[in-house]
Amino acid sequence: MRYALLIYNNDAVRQRTPEQQRRVNDGIAEILERPNVTGWLRLHDSESATTMRSDGERSLLTDGPFVDSKDFLGGLVVLDAENLDGALAIVEELQAVRATGAIEIRPLRDGHLRGA
């Protein structure tokens, strides 16, 4: 089964020294190079986001993320794991390296919508 790991950061990430950040990056890079990690993307800070909301009748475009929160989506990792326990094992390793923030584990749907 494929899982998306949605990586949430908080302001503690911005307070790391360059050496601390290098150690975190090195640890994460080792995990991302594994064959069952099939993709990963890093996002710009949440301040760069634009959000479109709809109330069913009209759309509203606003600057910023969808919700106002101390945590922000920093990126996502796609991996293949036999089951949720296998995905959780990878997440545990990532959290040990990051030491802050949260990681949401979400199964990916198989198949494509028309045209996708």
N, C-alpha and C. Protein backbone atom coordinates (compact mmCIF):
# COMPACT_ATOMS: atom_id res chain seq x y z
N MET A 1 0.84 -1.17 0.00
CA MET A 1 0.00 0.00 0.00
C MET A 1 0.89 1.24 0.00
N ARG A 2 0.44 2.26 -0.70
CA ARG A 2 1.19 3.53 -0.72
C ARG A 2 0.61 4.47 0.33
N TYR A 3 1.50 5.19 1.00
CA TYR A 3 1.10 6.15 2.02
C TYR A 3 1.71 7.50 1.72
N ALA A 4 0.99 8.56 2.05
CA ALA A 4 1.54 9.91 2.02
C ALA A 4 1.83 10.30 3.46
N LEU A 5 3.03 10.79 3.69
CA LEU A 5 3.41 11.31 5.00
C LEU A 5 3.41 12.82 4.88
N LEU A 6 2.46 13.48 5.48
CA LEU A 6 2.36 14.94 5.42
C LEU A 6 3.16 15.50 6.58
N ILE A 7 4.22 16.22 6.26
CA ILE A 7 5.17 16.68 7.26
C ILE A 7 4.78 18.08 7.72
N TYR A 8 4.45 18.22 8.99
CA TYR A 8 4.08 19.52 9.56
C TYR A 8 5.23 20.02 10.42
N ASN A 9 5.58 21.28 10.23
CA ASN A 9 6.61 21.93 11.01
C ASN A 9 5.97 22.99 11.90
N ASN A 10 6.77 23.51 12.82
CA ASN A 10 6.33 24.65 13.62
C ASN A 10 7.49 25.61 13.76
N ASP A 11 7.32 26.67 14.51
CA ASP A 11 8.33 27.71 14.60
C ASP A 11 9.67 27.22 15.15
N ALA A 12 9.69 26.11 15.85
CA ALA A 12 10.95 25.57 16.37
C ALA A 12 11.92 25.26 15.22
N VAL A 13 11.40 24.92 14.05
CA VAL A 13 12.23 24.64 12.89
C VAL A 13 13.06 25.86 12.52
N ARG A 14 12.47 27.02 12.61
CA ARG A 14 13.15 28.26 12.24
C ARG A 14 14.21 28.67 13.25
N GLN A 15 14.20 28.08 14.43
CA GLN A 15 15.14 28.45 15.49
C GLN A 15 16.37 27.54 15.54
N ARG A 16 16.43 26.55 14.66
CA ARG A 16 17.60 25.66 14.62
C ARG A 16 18.83 26.42 14.15
N THR A 17 19.97 26.04 14.71
CA THR A 17 21.22 26.60 14.20
C THR A 17 21.52 25.93 12.88
N PRO A 18 22.40 26.50 12.06
CA PRO A 18 22.76 25.85 10.80
C PRO A 18 23.30 24.43 11.01
N GLU A 19 24.07 24.21 12.07
CA GLU A 19 24.61 22.87 12.35
C GLU A 19 23.49 21.90 12.72
N GLN A 20 22.54 22.34 13.54
CA GLN A 20 21.41 21.49 13.89
C GLN A 20 20.60 21.14 12.64
N GLN A 21 20.37 22.11 11.78
CA GLN A 21 19.61 21.87 10.56
C GLN A 21 20.33 20.91 9.64
N ARG A 22 21.65 21.02 9.54
CA ARG A 22 22.44 20.10 8.72
C ARG A 22 22.30 18.67 9.22
N ARG A 23 22.36 18.47 10.52
CA ARG A 23 22.21 17.12 11.09
C ARG A 23 20.82 16.56 10.80
N VAL A 24 19.80 17.41 10.94
CA VAL A 24 18.43 16.97 10.64
C VAL A 24 18.33 16.60 9.16
N ASN A 25 18.82 17.47 8.29
CA ASN A 25 18.77 17.21 6.84
C ASN A 25 19.49 15.93 6.48
N ASP A 26 20.66 15.68 7.07
CA ASP A 26 21.41 14.46 6.79
C ASP A 26 20.63 13.22 7.21
N GLY A 27 20.01 13.27 8.38
CA GLY A 27 19.23 12.13 8.86
C GLY A 27 18.02 11.87 7.99
N ILE A 28 17.35 12.92 7.59
CA ILE A 28 16.17 12.77 6.73
C ILE A 28 16.59 12.25 5.35
N ALA A 29 17.71 12.75 4.83
CA ALA A 29 18.18 12.31 3.50
C ALA A 29 18.42 10.81 3.47
N GLU A 30 18.97 10.25 4.54
CA GLU A 30 19.20 8.80 4.60
C GLU A 30 17.89 8.03 4.46
N ILE A 31 16.84 8.51 5.10
CA ILE A 31 15.54 7.85 5.03
C ILE A 31 14.93 8.01 3.64
N LEU A 32 15.05 9.20 3.06
CA LEU A 32 14.44 9.47 1.76
C LEU A 32 15.11 8.70 0.62
N GLU A 33 16.33 8.22 0.82
CA GLU A 33 17.04 7.48 -0.21
C GLU A 33 16.66 6.00 -0.25
N ARG A 34 15.82 5.55 0.64
CA ARG A 34 15.42 4.14 0.67
C ARG A 34 14.55 3.80 -0.55
N PRO A 35 14.61 2.56 -1.02
CA PRO A 35 13.86 2.19 -2.21
C PRO A 35 12.34 2.25 -2.04
N ASN A 36 11.84 2.11 -0.81
CA ASN A 36 10.38 2.16 -0.64
C ASN A 36 9.86 3.59 -0.49
N VAL A 37 10.74 4.58 -0.47
CA VAL A 37 10.32 5.98 -0.51
C VAL A 37 10.33 6.38 -1.97
N THR A 38 9.14 6.56 -2.53
CA THR A 38 9.01 6.72 -3.98
C THR A 38 8.91 8.17 -4.43
N GLY A 39 8.85 9.10 -3.52
CA GLY A 39 8.82 10.50 -3.89
C GLY A 39 8.75 11.37 -2.65
N TRP A 40 9.20 12.59 -2.79
CA TRP A 40 9.05 13.55 -1.70
C TRP A 40 9.14 14.96 -2.28
N LEU A 41 8.42 15.86 -1.63
CA LEU A 41 8.37 17.25 -2.06
C LEU A 41 8.48 18.14 -0.83
N ARG A 42 9.24 19.21 -0.96
CA ARG A 42 9.31 20.23 0.08
C ARG A 42 8.53 21.44 -0.39
N LEU A 43 7.86 22.10 0.53
CA LEU A 43 7.05 23.26 0.20
C LEU A 43 7.72 24.53 0.73
N HIS A 44 7.44 25.65 0.07
CA HIS A 44 7.86 26.94 0.60
C HIS A 44 7.08 27.21 1.88
N ASP A 45 7.50 28.20 2.65
CA ASP A 45 6.80 28.55 3.88
C ASP A 45 5.33 28.84 3.61
N SER A 46 4.52 28.65 4.65
CA SER A 46 3.07 28.81 4.50
C SER A 46 2.69 30.25 4.13
N GLU A 47 3.53 31.20 4.44
CA GLU A 47 3.23 32.59 4.07
C GLU A 47 3.16 32.78 2.56
N SER A 48 3.75 31.88 1.79
CA SER A 48 3.73 31.99 0.33
C SER A 48 2.46 31.39 -0.29
N ALA A 49 1.60 30.80 0.53
CA ALA A 49 0.42 30.10 0.03
C ALA A 49 -0.68 31.06 -0.40
N THR A 50 -1.50 30.60 -1.32
CA THR A 50 -2.74 31.25 -1.71
C THR A 50 -3.83 30.19 -1.58
N THR A 51 -4.97 30.56 -1.03
CA THR A 51 -6.04 29.59 -0.79
C THR A 51 -7.31 30.04 -1.47
N MET A 52 -7.98 29.12 -2.16
CA MET A 52 -9.29 29.39 -2.73
C MET A 52 -10.32 28.61 -1.93
N ARG A 53 -11.31 29.33 -1.44
CA ARG A 53 -12.41 28.71 -0.70
C ARG A 53 -13.68 28.89 -1.51
N SER A 54 -14.61 27.97 -1.33
CA SER A 54 -15.89 28.07 -2.01
C SER A 54 -17.00 27.80 -1.01
N ASP A 55 -18.07 28.56 -1.10
CA ASP A 55 -19.23 28.31 -0.25
C ASP A 55 -20.33 27.61 -1.05
N GLY A 56 -19.98 27.10 -2.22
CA GLY A 56 -20.95 26.42 -3.07
C GLY A 56 -21.52 27.31 -4.14
N GLU A 57 -21.50 28.62 -3.93
CA GLU A 57 -22.03 29.56 -4.90
C GLU A 57 -20.95 30.46 -5.49
N ARG A 58 -19.97 30.79 -4.67
CA ARG A 58 -18.91 31.68 -5.15
C ARG A 58 -17.59 31.27 -4.53
N SER A 59 -16.51 31.71 -5.13
CA SER A 59 -15.18 31.40 -4.65
C SER A 59 -14.52 32.66 -4.10
N LEU A 60 -13.70 32.49 -3.09
CA LEU A 60 -12.97 33.59 -2.48
C LEU A 60 -11.49 33.22 -2.47
N LEU A 61 -10.67 34.09 -3.00
CA LEU A 61 -9.23 33.88 -3.06
C LEU A 61 -8.58 34.72 -1.96
N THR A 62 -7.75 34.07 -1.12
CA THR A 62 -7.08 34.78 -0.02
C THR A 62 -5.60 34.41 0.00
N ASP A 63 -4.80 35.30 0.57
CA ASP A 63 -3.39 35.00 0.79
C ASP A 63 -3.28 34.13 2.04
N GLY A 64 -2.29 33.25 2.02
CA GLY A 64 -2.00 32.46 3.21
C GLY A 64 -2.59 31.08 3.17
N PRO A 65 -2.28 30.31 4.22
CA PRO A 65 -2.73 28.92 4.29
C PRO A 65 -4.22 28.82 4.59
N PHE A 66 -4.74 27.62 4.47
CA PHE A 66 -6.17 27.38 4.68
C PHE A 66 -6.59 27.68 6.11
N VAL A 67 -5.76 27.31 7.08
CA VAL A 67 -6.09 27.54 8.49
C VAL A 67 -4.97 28.34 9.14
N ASP A 68 -5.32 29.06 10.17
CA ASP A 68 -4.32 29.79 10.95
C ASP A 68 -3.87 28.86 12.06
N SER A 69 -2.63 28.46 12.03
CA SER A 69 -2.13 27.47 12.96
C SER A 69 -0.66 27.70 13.21
N LYS A 70 -0.17 27.22 14.34
CA LYS A 70 1.26 27.30 14.61
C LYS A 70 2.02 26.27 13.78
N ASP A 71 1.36 25.18 13.42
CA ASP A 71 1.96 24.17 12.56
C ASP A 71 1.64 24.49 11.11
N PHE A 72 2.55 24.14 10.20
CA PHE A 72 2.32 24.37 8.79
C PHE A 72 2.87 23.19 8.00
N LEU A 73 2.23 22.89 6.88
CA LEU A 73 2.64 21.79 6.03
C LEU A 73 3.95 22.16 5.35
N GLY A 74 4.99 21.40 5.63
CA GLY A 74 6.31 21.69 5.08
C GLY A 74 6.64 20.85 3.87
N GLY A 75 5.96 19.72 3.70
CA GLY A 75 6.22 18.86 2.56
C GLY A 75 5.51 17.54 2.72
N LEU A 76 5.74 16.65 1.76
CA LEU A 76 5.14 15.33 1.86
C LEU A 76 6.08 14.30 1.26
N VAL A 77 5.96 13.10 1.80
CA VAL A 77 6.76 11.96 1.38
C VAL A 77 5.79 10.88 0.94
N VAL A 78 6.07 10.20 -0.15
CA VAL A 78 5.26 9.07 -0.60
C VAL A 78 6.10 7.81 -0.42
N LEU A 79 5.53 6.79 0.22
CA LEU A 79 6.27 5.56 0.41
C LEU A 79 5.38 4.35 0.23
N ASP A 80 6.01 3.23 -0.07
CA ASP A 80 5.34 1.95 -0.15
C ASP A 80 5.62 1.20 1.14
N ALA A 81 4.58 0.71 1.77
CA ALA A 81 4.72 -0.09 2.98
C ALA A 81 3.69 -1.21 2.92
N GLU A 82 4.01 -2.31 3.54
CA GLU A 82 3.11 -3.46 3.52
C GLU A 82 1.79 -3.13 4.21
N ASN A 83 1.87 -2.32 5.29
CA ASN A 83 0.69 -1.95 6.05
C ASN A 83 0.99 -0.69 6.86
N LEU A 84 0.03 -0.27 7.66
CA LEU A 84 0.21 0.94 8.46
C LEU A 84 1.38 0.81 9.43
N ASP A 85 1.57 -0.36 9.99
CA ASP A 85 2.70 -0.55 10.90
C ASP A 85 4.04 -0.29 10.20
N GLY A 86 4.15 -0.71 8.95
CA GLY A 86 5.37 -0.45 8.19
C GLY A 86 5.58 1.03 7.95
N ALA A 87 4.50 1.76 7.65
CA ALA A 87 4.58 3.21 7.46
C ALA A 87 4.94 3.89 8.78
N LEU A 88 4.35 3.43 9.87
CA LEU A 88 4.63 4.02 11.17
C LEU A 88 6.09 3.84 11.58
N ALA A 89 6.70 2.74 11.18
CA ALA A 89 8.12 2.53 11.49
C ALA A 89 8.98 3.61 10.84
N ILE A 90 8.66 3.97 9.60
CA ILE A 90 9.40 5.04 8.91
C ILE A 90 9.13 6.38 9.59
N VAL A 91 7.88 6.62 9.94
CA VAL A 91 7.51 7.88 10.58
C VAL A 91 8.24 8.03 11.91
N GLU A 92 8.36 6.95 12.67
CA GLU A 92 9.09 6.99 13.94
C GLU A 92 10.53 7.43 13.73
N GLU A 93 11.16 6.91 12.68
CA GLU A 93 12.53 7.31 12.37
C GLU A 93 12.62 8.78 11.98
N LEU A 94 11.68 9.23 11.14
CA LEU A 94 11.67 10.64 10.75
C LEU A 94 11.47 11.55 11.96
N GLN A 95 10.55 11.19 12.84
CA GLN A 95 10.30 12.02 14.02
C GLN A 95 11.51 12.04 14.95
N ALA A 96 12.23 10.93 15.04
CA ALA A 96 13.43 10.90 15.89
C ALA A 96 14.48 11.87 15.37
N VAL A 97 14.56 12.02 14.06
CA VAL A 97 15.53 12.94 13.46
C VAL A 97 15.05 14.38 13.59
N ARG A 98 13.77 14.62 13.37
CA ARG A 98 13.22 15.99 13.35
C ARG A 98 13.05 16.56 14.75
N ALA A 99 12.56 15.78 15.68
CA ALA A 99 12.37 16.15 17.08
C ALA A 99 11.36 17.27 17.30
N THR A 100 10.59 17.64 16.30
CA THR A 100 9.56 18.66 16.47
C THR A 100 8.52 18.49 15.37
N GLY A 101 7.36 19.10 15.54
CA GLY A 101 6.34 19.03 14.51
C GLY A 101 5.58 17.72 14.54
N ALA A 102 4.81 17.50 13.51
CA ALA A 102 3.95 16.31 13.42
C ALA A 102 4.02 15.74 12.02
N ILE A 103 3.69 14.46 11.90
CA ILE A 103 3.62 13.80 10.60
C ILE A 103 2.28 13.08 10.53
N GLU A 104 1.47 13.44 9.55
CA GLU A 104 0.20 12.78 9.31
C GLU A 104 0.43 11.66 8.31
N ILE A 105 -0.07 10.46 8.61
CA ILE A 105 0.07 9.31 7.72
C ILE A 105 -1.29 9.07 7.08
N ARG A 106 -1.32 9.10 5.75
CA ARG A 106 -2.59 8.94 5.07
C ARG A 106 -2.42 7.97 3.91
N PRO A 107 -3.26 6.91 3.85
CA PRO A 107 -3.19 5.99 2.70
C PRO A 107 -3.54 6.73 1.41
N LEU A 108 -2.88 6.35 0.34
CA LEU A 108 -3.18 6.92 -0.98
C LEU A 108 -4.18 6.03 -1.69
N ARG A 109 -5.06 6.63 -2.44
CA ARG A 109 -6.04 5.88 -3.23
C ARG A 109 -5.38 5.39 -4.50
N ASP A 110 -5.77 4.21 -4.93
CA ASP A 110 -5.29 3.70 -6.22
C ASP A 110 -6.20 4.22 -7.32
N GLY A 111 -5.67 4.21 -8.53
CA GLY A 111 -6.46 4.60 -9.69
C GLY A 111 -6.32 6.07 -10.01
N HIS A 112 -6.90 6.44 -11.12
CA HIS A 112 -6.83 7.82 -11.60
C HIS A 112 -8.22 8.28 -11.97
N LEU A 113 -8.44 9.57 -11.82
CA LEU A 113 -9.66 10.15 -12.35
C LEU A 113 -9.45 10.37 -13.84
N ARG A 114 -10.52 10.45 -14.58
CA ARG A 114 -10.39 10.69 -16.02
C ARG A 114 -9.56 11.93 -16.28
N GLY A 115 -8.63 11.83 -17.22
CA GLY A 115 -7.83 12.97 -17.59
C GLY A 115 -6.62 13.21 -16.71
N ALA A 116 -6.51 12.48 -15.61
CA ALA A 116 -5.38 12.69 -14.68
C ALA A 116 -4.28 11.70 -14.95
